[in-house]
Amino acid sequence: MIKIQKASEIPQEFFTGRDFGASIDKVKDVLKDVQVRKDAALHDYSKEFDISSPAEFEIPMSELKAAAEKMEKENPDLYNSLKYSHDLALKFALKQKESFNDFEVELESGIFTGQKNLPVEKAGVYVPAGRFPLVSTVVMTVTPAVAAGCKEIILCTPPRVHPDDKVQAQAQGSGIPGKPFMQGKPYADENIMAAAYICGVTKAFACGGSQAIGAMAFGTESIPKVDVIVGPGNKYVAEAKKLVYGTVGIDMVAGPTEVFIIADDSANPEWVAADLLAQAEHDIVAQPVLVTNSQVLAEKVQAEIEKQLPLLSTEKIARESIENYGRIILTENLKEAAELANRKAPEHLELAMEDGAERKEIQSLVHNYGSLFIGHEAAEVFGDYAAGLNHTLPTSGSARFTGGLSVRVFLKTVTTLRADMNKEGAKKSAGAAGFLGDAEGLTGHAHAARLRLNSQEK
């Protein structure tokens, strides 16, 4: 059962970042091996970790298209939902892109400064396919790269046994953890492949784990080196992304997921409990938190959680999360709840409150969160799946200094300078550069500036 406790009883570690993927030597070895041996290393790790070790890694585009067509025919509700999710995400990402303006301005006479926002050429996307193949992650990672204008979008995801190979795999007793099917056709989770086609992936590879991160970071004979790698994964994938940062850009290093709900006595306990459980079912270390000034609501939500848990196919995972990391916190007032939220800096922050002056005040007070969900109707799961927002968000307190995945991750802001030495502002800049070069002992800098200044004085 989820615990109820007063704000004064909350330990300090509740507000510190949670890192379940501390430095892992194995990941360093994998990355170095992939960098040196390339495809050969990928094949070896596929044999060790996957249920299928294909002869080649690239999944033909025809397979992605076939998966999308099969989904459209056999599961039109899912197909249409994916299309809808992608359409909203693309609209939102394109709107984001509009906010990153290119400009040129004459700061001083003769000094023209500007900026341009340019897409990276090659985006790398990692999509996990463990317990829950995350089809929505394809939408959230690929779509902003499309909106940014990336020329190539490379997707890596763990391999699966190709339908053409299943009879042979069953006869061998292979295609299972610890005994992969060898040398088959490259294939992946069908829903992930369908989503990749719908969203506009240019190349897809049946390659997973930290070795896939290494392949995209360094490049192999089969998998191209990319400029930016995004997407979630287990602790090995997270560690690999951390280690290759600098060789490539990354979105963030994600930890366990979390939701923080601030609720007043107008909140629907059934809805609040459902939102807490939706987060809890992700992982046994997910952290669902409710903060309220209503003892009555706290007790109703506690009871409602116990009522809803047995209805979930993910009950075992959700219960462990709820009991070990979940909590309901009682505060004197909701301003105190806002203060706790800012200290926690949660991935998802919900304001389960009626529209009015108090909700507006709390909304103005909170400023550390990955994404904010305002009002009873704004369920966090809408943001996960189909509201245009990106669900790849900062965790473990990192919302204090960064936002979530957006079109910005696939854009680089570069600056430009033009100068007209016939104008006074440019002459002044040249003179200042000369004196600053002298002060730093960089006579070459000073000389380069004064040459241009002197050329105008002759």
Protein backbone atom coordinates (compact mmCIF):
# COMPACT_ATOMS: atom_id res chain seq x y z
CA MET A 1 0.00 0.00 0.00
CA ILE A 2 1.24 3.50 -0.81
CA LYS A 3 2.39 5.34 2.31
CA ILE A 4 0.88 8.61 3.51
CA GLN A 5 3.20 10.97 5.38
CA LYS A 6 3.48 14.59 6.36
CA ALA A 7 5.79 16.93 4.48
CA SER A 8 7.93 17.30 7.61
CA GLU A 9 8.61 13.56 7.53
CA ILE A 10 10.09 13.52 4.01
CA PRO A 11 13.80 12.55 4.09
CA GLN A 12 16.36 14.66 2.25
CA GLU A 13 17.22 11.83 -0.16
CA PHE A 14 13.73 12.18 -1.65
CA PHE A 15 14.95 15.39 -3.30
CA THR A 16 18.29 14.07 -4.56
CA GLY A 17 18.76 12.55 -8.00
CA ARG A 18 18.20 8.84 -8.33
CA ASP A 19 20.89 7.08 -10.36
CA PHE A 20 20.46 3.35 -10.89
CA GLY A 21 23.08 3.11 -13.61
CA ALA A 22 26.38 4.11 -12.05
CA SER A 23 29.55 3.68 -14.11
CA ILE A 24 29.63 0.22 -15.63
CA ASP A 25 33.00 -1.12 -16.75
CA LYS A 26 31.33 -3.60 -19.09
CA VAL A 27 29.86 -0.74 -21.11
CA LYS A 28 33.28 0.88 -21.52
CA ASP A 29 34.63 -2.42 -22.84
CA VAL A 30 31.72 -2.82 -25.26
CA LEU A 31 32.16 0.70 -26.65
CA LYS A 32 35.90 0.27 -27.13
CA ASP A 33 35.35 -3.09 -28.82
CA VAL A 34 32.75 -1.66 -31.22
CA GLN A 35 35.03 1.25 -32.02
CA VAL A 36 37.87 -1.11 -32.93
CA ARG A 37 36.19 -4.21 -34.38
CA LYS A 38 33.01 -2.58 -35.68
CA ASP A 39 30.52 -5.06 -37.25
CA ALA A 40 32.45 -8.07 -35.94
CA ALA A 41 31.93 -6.84 -32.39
CA LEU A 42 28.24 -6.17 -33.04
CA HIS A 43 27.75 -9.74 -34.25
CA ASP A 44 29.48 -11.12 -31.15
CA TYR A 45 27.34 -9.06 -28.76
CA SER A 46 24.19 -9.97 -30.66
CA LYS A 47 25.04 -13.64 -30.11
CA GLU A 48 25.57 -12.95 -26.42
CA PHE A 49 22.59 -10.74 -25.60
CA ASP A 50 19.84 -11.06 -28.23
CA ILE A 51 17.25 -13.65 -29.26
CA SER A 52 18.29 -13.26 -32.89
CA SER A 53 21.70 -12.65 -34.39
CA PRO A 54 21.01 -11.72 -38.01
CA ALA A 55 23.50 -12.12 -40.83
CA GLU A 56 23.11 -8.43 -41.63
CA PHE A 57 21.92 -5.53 -39.49
CA GLU A 58 20.05 -3.26 -41.89
CA ILE A 59 16.34 -3.94 -42.12
CA PRO A 60 15.18 -3.34 -45.70
CA MET A 61 12.75 -0.44 -46.13
CA SER A 62 10.38 -2.93 -47.74
CA GLU A 63 10.08 -4.70 -44.36
CA LEU A 64 9.18 -1.42 -42.63
CA LYS A 65 6.58 -0.67 -45.28
CA ALA A 66 5.14 -4.18 -45.06
CA ALA A 67 4.86 -3.86 -41.27
CA ALA A 68 2.98 -0.57 -41.65
CA GLU A 69 0.64 -2.03 -44.26
CA LYS A 70 0.00 -5.10 -42.09
CA MET A 71 -0.82 -2.86 -39.11
CA GLU A 72 -3.16 -0.73 -41.21
CA LYS A 73 -5.01 -3.86 -42.32
CA GLU A 74 -5.01 -5.92 -39.12
CA ASN A 75 -5.00 -3.24 -36.44
CA PRO A 76 -6.42 -0.04 -37.96
CA ASP A 77 -7.08 1.52 -34.54
CA LEU A 78 -3.39 1.33 -33.65
CA TYR A 79 -2.34 2.46 -37.12
CA ASN A 80 -4.61 5.49 -37.05
CA SER A 81 -3.55 6.31 -33.48
CA LEU A 82 0.11 6.25 -34.51
CA LYS A 83 -0.62 8.49 -37.50
CA TYR A 84 -2.55 10.88 -35.26
CA SER A 85 0.22 10.92 -32.64
CA HIS A 86 2.83 11.58 -35.34
CA ASP A 87 0.75 14.36 -36.92
CA LEU A 88 0.35 16.17 -33.58
CA ALA A 89 4.02 15.70 -32.67
CA LEU A 90 5.07 17.08 -36.06
CA LYS A 91 2.81 20.13 -35.73
CA PHE A 92 4.21 20.85 -32.29
CA ALA A 93 7.84 20.33 -33.34
CA LEU A 94 7.43 22.57 -36.39
CA LYS A 95 5.92 25.24 -34.15
CA GLN A 96 8.92 24.90 -31.83
CA LYS A 97 11.23 25.33 -34.79
CA GLU A 98 9.51 28.61 -35.67
CA SER A 99 10.55 30.00 -32.29
CA PHE A 100 14.26 29.57 -33.10
CA ASN A 101 14.70 32.57 -35.35
CA ASP A 102 17.48 33.26 -37.83
CA PHE A 103 18.51 36.92 -37.81
CA GLU A 104 21.18 39.46 -38.65
CA VAL A 105 21.42 42.76 -36.80
CA GLU A 106 23.82 45.72 -36.99
CA LEU A 107 24.88 46.00 -33.34
CA GLU A 108 27.14 48.95 -34.06
CA SER A 109 27.79 50.72 -37.33
CA GLY A 110 29.68 48.28 -39.53
CA ILE A 111 29.30 45.28 -37.17
CA PHE A 112 26.66 42.89 -38.49
CA THR A 113 26.02 39.91 -36.24
CA GLY A 114 23.57 37.08 -36.76
CA GLN A 115 22.57 33.54 -36.03
CA LYS A 116 21.32 30.58 -38.01
CA ASN A 117 19.64 27.40 -36.77
CA LEU A 118 20.89 24.48 -38.85
CA PRO A 119 19.84 20.82 -38.57
CA VAL A 120 22.42 18.16 -37.87
CA GLU A 121 22.88 15.93 -40.90
CA LYS A 122 22.46 12.51 -39.27
CA ALA A 123 20.23 11.79 -36.29
CA GLY A 124 20.50 8.51 -34.41
CA VAL A 125 17.47 7.11 -32.61
CA TYR A 126 17.48 4.24 -30.14
CA VAL A 127 14.19 2.44 -29.44
CA PRO A 128 14.19 -0.26 -26.73
CA ALA A 129 12.16 -3.43 -27.20
CA GLY A 130 12.38 -5.29 -23.92
CA ARG A 131 9.35 -6.01 -21.73
CA PHE A 132 7.41 -3.27 -23.46
CA PRO A 133 8.43 -2.44 -27.05
CA LEU A 134 7.96 1.32 -26.96
CA VAL A 135 6.21 2.12 -30.22
CA SER A 136 5.39 5.63 -29.00
CA THR A 137 9.10 6.31 -28.53
CA VAL A 138 9.51 6.07 -32.31
CA VAL A 139 7.07 8.96 -32.68
CA MET A 140 8.72 11.05 -29.97
CA THR A 141 12.31 10.61 -31.18
CA VAL A 142 11.97 10.51 -34.95
CA THR A 143 9.36 13.24 -35.47
CA PRO A 144 11.35 16.20 -34.08
CA ALA A 145 14.32 15.10 -36.21
CA VAL A 146 12.05 15.19 -39.26
CA ALA A 147 10.79 18.64 -38.25
CA ALA A 148 14.35 19.88 -37.79
CA GLY A 149 15.22 18.86 -41.36
CA CYS A 150 17.80 16.12 -40.71
CA LYS A 151 18.88 14.49 -43.98
CA GLU A 152 19.21 11.02 -42.43
CA ILE A 153 17.45 9.46 -39.46
CA ILE A 154 19.04 6.20 -38.34
CA LEU A 155 17.08 3.92 -36.01
CA CYS A 156 18.52 1.07 -33.97
CA THR A 157 16.35 -1.40 -32.08
CA PRO A 158 16.94 -4.95 -30.76
CA PRO A 159 16.59 -7.77 -33.31
CA ARG A 160 13.73 -10.24 -33.53
CA VAL A 161 13.41 -13.53 -35.41
CA HIS A 162 12.14 -12.91 -38.95
CA PRO A 163 8.83 -14.62 -39.79
CA ASP A 164 10.59 -16.54 -42.57
CA ASP A 165 12.98 -17.99 -39.98
CA LYS A 166 10.53 -18.88 -37.23
CA VAL A 167 9.90 -22.50 -38.30
CA GLN A 168 13.62 -23.20 -38.41
CA ALA A 169 14.17 -21.40 -35.10
CA GLN A 170 11.46 -23.47 -33.42
CA ALA A 171 12.95 -26.68 -34.81
CA GLN A 172 16.33 -25.68 -33.36
CA GLY A 173 14.85 -24.53 -30.07
CA SER A 174 16.50 -21.15 -30.71
CA GLY A 175 15.22 -17.60 -30.88
CA ILE A 176 15.04 -17.39 -27.10
CA PRO A 177 17.17 -15.62 -24.46
CA GLY A 178 20.49 -17.41 -24.19
CA LYS A 179 20.06 -19.22 -27.49
CA PRO A 180 19.66 -16.78 -30.38
CA PHE A 181 18.67 -17.80 -33.88
CA MET A 182 21.79 -17.39 -35.98
CA GLN A 183 22.34 -15.85 -39.41
CA GLY A 184 18.71 -15.10 -40.16
CA LYS A 185 17.17 -12.12 -41.90
CA PRO A 186 17.29 -8.76 -40.05
CA TYR A 187 14.00 -8.00 -38.33
CA ALA A 188 12.63 -6.12 -35.34
CA ASP A 189 9.42 -5.68 -33.38
CA GLU A 190 6.71 -5.23 -36.02
CA ASN A 191 5.01 -2.29 -34.32
CA ILE A 192 8.33 -0.47 -34.02
CA MET A 193 9.07 -1.10 -37.70
CA ALA A 194 5.62 0.14 -38.70
CA ALA A 195 6.01 3.29 -36.62
CA ALA A 196 9.46 3.86 -38.12
CA TYR A 197 7.97 3.82 -41.59
CA ILE A 198 5.06 6.08 -40.64
CA CYS A 199 7.33 8.63 -38.97
CA GLY A 200 9.97 8.85 -41.70
CA VAL A 201 13.04 6.87 -40.64
CA THR A 202 15.56 6.66 -43.50
CA LYS A 203 17.41 3.54 -42.28
CA ALA A 204 16.67 0.98 -39.58
CA PHE A 205 19.00 -1.57 -38.02
CA ALA A 206 18.35 -4.68 -35.95
CA CYS A 207 20.92 -3.84 -33.30
CA GLY A 208 20.28 -3.16 -29.63
CA GLY A 209 21.91 -2.43 -26.30
CA SER A 210 24.99 -0.38 -25.53
CA GLN A 211 26.64 -1.81 -28.65
CA ALA A 212 24.04 -0.02 -30.80
CA ILE A 213 24.93 3.27 -29.09
CA GLY A 214 28.59 2.61 -29.85
CA ALA A 215 27.79 1.76 -33.47
CA MET A 216 25.95 5.04 -34.01
CA ALA A 217 28.59 7.04 -32.14
CA PHE A 218 31.65 5.64 -33.94
CA GLY A 219 30.23 4.11 -37.11
CA THR A 220 30.78 0.57 -38.38
CA GLU A 221 30.85 -1.05 -41.81
CA SER A 222 27.04 -1.32 -41.68
CA ILE A 223 25.78 1.38 -39.33
CA PRO A 224 26.62 5.02 -40.11
CA LYS A 225 28.17 7.38 -37.60
CA VAL A 226 25.58 9.96 -36.56
CA ASP A 227 25.78 13.45 -35.10
CA VAL A 228 23.22 13.14 -32.29
CA ILE A 229 21.83 10.10 -30.44
CA VAL A 230 18.46 10.24 -28.70
CA GLY A 231 16.10 7.80 -27.05
CA PRO A 232 15.63 5.86 -23.81
CA GLY A 233 16.98 2.49 -22.75
CA ASN A 234 18.13 0.40 -19.82
CA LYS A 235 21.01 1.34 -17.53
CA TYR A 236 23.57 0.01 -20.02
CA VAL A 237 22.17 2.16 -22.82
CA ALA A 238 22.04 5.19 -20.51
CA GLU A 239 25.65 4.63 -19.46
CA ALA A 240 26.74 4.22 -23.08
CA LYS A 241 25.09 7.52 -24.04
CA LYS A 242 26.85 9.23 -21.16
CA LEU A 243 30.22 7.85 -22.27
CA VAL A 244 29.91 8.76 -25.97
CA TYR A 245 28.78 12.32 -25.26
CA GLY A 246 31.34 14.61 -26.86
CA THR A 247 31.90 12.21 -29.74
CA VAL A 248 28.24 12.79 -30.54
CA GLY A 249 25.52 14.90 -28.99
CA ILE A 250 22.83 13.27 -26.87
CA ASP A 251 19.41 14.31 -25.66
CA MET A 252 19.90 13.44 -21.97
CA VAL A 253 20.75 10.59 -19.62
CA ALA A 254 17.39 9.38 -18.39
CA GLY A 255 16.78 7.70 -15.04
CA PRO A 256 13.66 6.08 -13.59
CA THR A 257 10.41 7.74 -14.59
CA GLU A 258 8.40 9.83 -12.12
CA VAL A 259 5.15 11.74 -11.70
CA PHE A 260 4.38 14.39 -9.08
CA ILE A 261 0.72 15.35 -8.67
CA ILE A 262 -0.40 18.43 -6.75
CA ALA A 263 -4.10 18.01 -5.96
CA ASP A 264 -6.74 19.93 -4.06
CA ASP A 265 -9.98 18.53 -2.67
CA SER A 266 -11.69 18.93 -6.04
CA ALA A 267 -9.55 16.16 -7.52
CA ASN A 268 -11.15 12.89 -8.60
CA PRO A 269 -9.47 10.17 -6.49
CA GLU A 270 -10.12 7.56 -9.19
CA TRP A 271 -8.33 9.66 -11.81
CA VAL A 272 -5.44 10.55 -9.51
CA ALA A 273 -4.92 6.90 -8.56
CA ALA A 274 -4.99 5.89 -12.22
CA ASP A 275 -2.37 8.52 -13.09
CA LEU A 276 -0.11 7.32 -10.28
CA LEU A 277 -0.45 3.71 -11.40
CA ALA A 278 0.15 4.61 -15.04
CA GLN A 279 3.58 5.82 -14.00
CA ALA A 280 4.20 3.00 -11.54
CA GLU A 281 3.70 0.28 -14.15
CA HIS A 282 6.72 1.48 -16.15
CA ASP A 283 9.30 0.05 -13.76
CA ILE A 284 9.71 -1.24 -10.22
CA VAL A 285 11.80 1.87 -9.49
CA ALA A 286 9.35 4.35 -11.02
CA GLN A 287 8.30 7.03 -8.53
CA PRO A 288 4.61 8.06 -8.30
CA VAL A 289 3.97 10.92 -5.84
CA LEU A 290 0.83 12.77 -4.77
CA VAL A 291 1.02 15.97 -2.72
CA THR A 292 -2.18 17.37 -1.27
CA ASN A 293 -3.51 19.40 1.63
CA SER A 294 -6.57 17.12 1.88
CA GLN A 295 -6.39 14.16 4.28
CA VAL A 296 -9.71 12.95 2.86
CA LEU A 297 -8.37 12.92 -0.71
CA ALA A 298 -5.17 11.20 0.42
CA GLU A 299 -7.08 8.34 2.00
CA LYS A 300 -9.46 7.99 -0.94
CA VAL A 301 -6.56 7.82 -3.41
CA GLN A 302 -4.78 5.28 -1.22
CA ALA A 303 -7.89 3.07 -1.25
CA GLU A 304 -8.47 3.60 -4.95
CA ILE A 305 -4.94 2.46 -5.78
CA GLU A 306 -5.59 -0.84 -4.00
CA LYS A 307 -8.85 -1.16 -5.89
CA GLN A 308 -7.28 -0.56 -9.31
CA LEU A 309 -4.04 -2.52 -8.91
CA PRO A 310 -5.58 -5.98 -9.43
CA LEU A 311 -7.11 -4.77 -12.70
CA LEU A 312 -3.69 -4.19 -14.25
CA SER A 313 -1.75 -6.85 -16.17
CA THR A 314 1.29 -4.99 -14.84
CA GLU A 315 0.15 -5.29 -11.20
CA LYS A 316 3.36 -6.89 -9.94
CA ILE A 317 5.59 -4.12 -11.31
CA ALA A 318 3.21 -1.32 -10.34
CA ARG A 319 2.75 -2.63 -6.80
CA GLU A 320 6.49 -2.82 -6.17
CA SER A 321 6.91 0.74 -7.46
CA ILE A 322 3.99 2.02 -5.37
CA GLU A 323 5.15 0.34 -2.16
CA ASN A 324 8.87 1.10 -2.42
CA TYR A 325 9.01 4.49 -4.13
CA GLY A 326 5.48 5.89 -4.14
CA ARG A 327 4.12 8.20 -1.49
CA ILE A 328 1.31 10.58 -0.66
CA ILE A 329 2.55 13.74 1.05
CA LEU A 330 0.30 15.91 3.22
CA THR A 331 1.05 19.63 3.31
CA GLU A 332 -0.45 22.53 5.21
CA ASN A 333 -1.32 24.29 1.95
CA LEU A 334 -0.67 24.00 -1.77
CA LYS A 335 2.02 26.70 -1.77
CA GLU A 336 4.07 24.26 0.28
CA ALA A 337 3.29 21.61 -2.33
CA ALA A 338 4.66 23.92 -5.03
CA GLU A 339 7.85 24.41 -3.00
CA LEU A 340 8.27 20.63 -2.73
CA ALA A 341 7.76 20.30 -6.48
CA ASN A 342 10.46 22.84 -7.20
CA ARG A 343 12.86 21.01 -4.89
CA LYS A 344 12.01 17.66 -6.49
CA ALA A 345 12.06 18.92 -10.11
CA PRO A 346 9.94 16.02 -11.35
CA GLU A 347 9.77 14.65 -14.86
CA HIS A 348 5.96 15.04 -14.99
CA LEU A 349 4.09 17.55 -12.84
CA GLU A 350 0.29 17.49 -12.68
CA LEU A 351 -1.93 20.18 -11.18
CA ALA A 352 -5.11 18.26 -10.39
CA MET A 353 -7.00 21.38 -9.40
CA GLU A 354 -10.07 23.31 -10.48
CA ASP A 355 -9.49 26.33 -12.69
CA GLY A 356 -9.36 29.47 -10.58
CA ALA A 357 -7.12 31.86 -8.70
CA GLU A 358 -5.40 29.18 -6.59
CA ARG A 359 -4.50 27.00 -9.58
CA LYS A 360 -3.17 30.03 -11.44
CA GLU A 361 -1.06 30.94 -8.40
CA ILE A 362 0.38 27.42 -8.07
CA GLN A 363 1.03 27.35 -11.81
CA SER A 364 3.00 30.59 -11.50
CA LEU A 365 5.00 29.26 -8.54
CA VAL A 366 6.23 25.96 -10.05
CA HIS A 367 9.22 26.21 -12.37
CA ASN A 368 11.17 22.94 -12.15
CA TYR A 369 9.55 20.19 -14.21
CA GLY A 370 9.94 18.36 -17.49
CA SER A 371 6.34 18.86 -18.57
CA LEU A 372 3.38 20.47 -16.78
CA PHE A 373 -0.17 19.10 -17.00
CA ILE A 374 -2.74 21.68 -15.98
CA GLY A 375 -6.17 20.74 -14.66
CA HIS A 376 -8.12 17.55 -14.08
CA GLU A 377 -8.58 16.72 -17.77
CA ALA A 378 -4.89 17.00 -18.71
CA ALA A 379 -3.85 13.40 -18.04
CA GLU A 380 -0.12 12.76 -18.13
CA VAL A 381 -0.70 9.79 -20.44
CA PHE A 382 -1.97 12.20 -23.10
CA GLY A 383 1.53 13.66 -23.13
CA ASP A 384 2.95 10.16 -23.37
CA TYR A 385 1.02 9.30 -26.48
CA ALA A 386 -1.04 11.82 -28.38
CA ALA A 387 -1.01 15.49 -27.45
CA GLY A 388 1.91 16.79 -29.52
CA LEU A 389 4.23 17.10 -26.51
CA ASN A 390 7.38 15.02 -26.38
CA HIS A 391 7.43 12.34 -23.70
CA THR A 392 11.23 12.09 -23.52
CA LEU A 393 11.78 14.23 -20.44
CA PRO A 394 14.43 14.96 -17.78
CA THR A 395 14.38 12.78 -14.65
CA SER A 396 16.14 12.55 -11.29
CA GLY A 397 16.12 16.29 -10.68
CA SER A 398 17.67 17.24 -14.03
CA ALA A 399 14.57 19.31 -14.82
CA ARG A 400 16.32 21.97 -12.72
CA PHE A 401 18.62 22.68 -15.67
CA THR A 402 17.19 21.14 -18.83
CA GLY A 403 13.97 20.52 -20.68
CA GLY A 404 12.86 17.48 -22.63
CA LEU A 405 13.65 16.22 -26.09
CA SER A 406 12.57 18.72 -28.73
CA VAL A 407 13.40 19.89 -32.21
CA ARG A 408 16.16 21.95 -30.54
CA VAL A 409 18.24 18.79 -29.93
CA PHE A 410 18.54 18.31 -33.70
CA LEU A 411 19.39 21.94 -34.41
CA LYS A 412 22.68 23.74 -33.88
CA THR A 413 22.65 27.50 -33.46
CA VAL A 414 25.61 29.01 -35.28
CA THR A 415 26.61 32.66 -35.44
CA THR A 416 27.72 34.94 -38.28
CA LEU A 417 29.69 38.17 -38.51
CA ARG A 418 30.11 40.74 -41.26
CA ALA A 419 32.17 43.88 -40.85
CA ASP A 420 32.47 47.15 -42.78
CA MET A 421 35.71 48.87 -41.78
CA ASN A 422 34.54 52.12 -43.32
CA LYS A 423 32.16 52.56 -40.40
CA GLU A 424 32.97 53.81 -36.92
CA GLY A 425 31.57 50.81 -35.03
CA ALA A 426 33.82 48.39 -36.90
CA LYS A 427 36.84 50.62 -36.26
CA LYS A 428 35.99 50.73 -32.57
CA SER A 429 35.74 46.92 -32.45
CA ALA A 430 39.12 46.57 -34.16
CA GLY A 431 40.68 48.98 -31.68
CA ALA A 432 39.16 47.18 -28.70
CA ALA A 433 40.30 43.79 -30.05
CA GLY A 434 43.84 45.14 -30.29
CA PHE A 435 43.95 46.32 -26.68
CA LEU A 436 42.36 43.09 -25.39
CA GLY A 437 44.89 41.04 -27.36
CA ASP A 438 47.71 43.04 -25.75
CA ALA A 439 46.25 42.47 -22.28
CA GLU A 440 46.19 38.71 -22.80
CA GLY A 441 49.68 38.59 -24.29
CA LEU A 442 48.28 37.36 -27.62
CA THR A 443 50.17 39.65 -29.96
CA GLY A 444 48.97 37.79 -33.04
CA HIS A 445 45.39 38.58 -32.12
CA ALA A 446 46.22 42.25 -31.63
CA HIS A 447 48.17 42.35 -34.90
CA ALA A 448 45.30 40.80 -36.93
CA ALA A 449 42.88 43.40 -35.56
CA ARG A 450 45.19 46.39 -36.11
CA LEU A 451 46.04 45.41 -39.68
CA ARG A 452 42.41 45.98 -40.60
CA LEU A 453 42.23 49.19 -38.59
CA ASN A 454 45.44 50.50 -40.08
CA SER A 455 44.27 49.69 -43.60
CA GLN A 456 41.49 52.21 -43.16
CA GLU A 457 43.80 54.90 -41.85
CA LYS A 458 46.16 54.86 -44.83
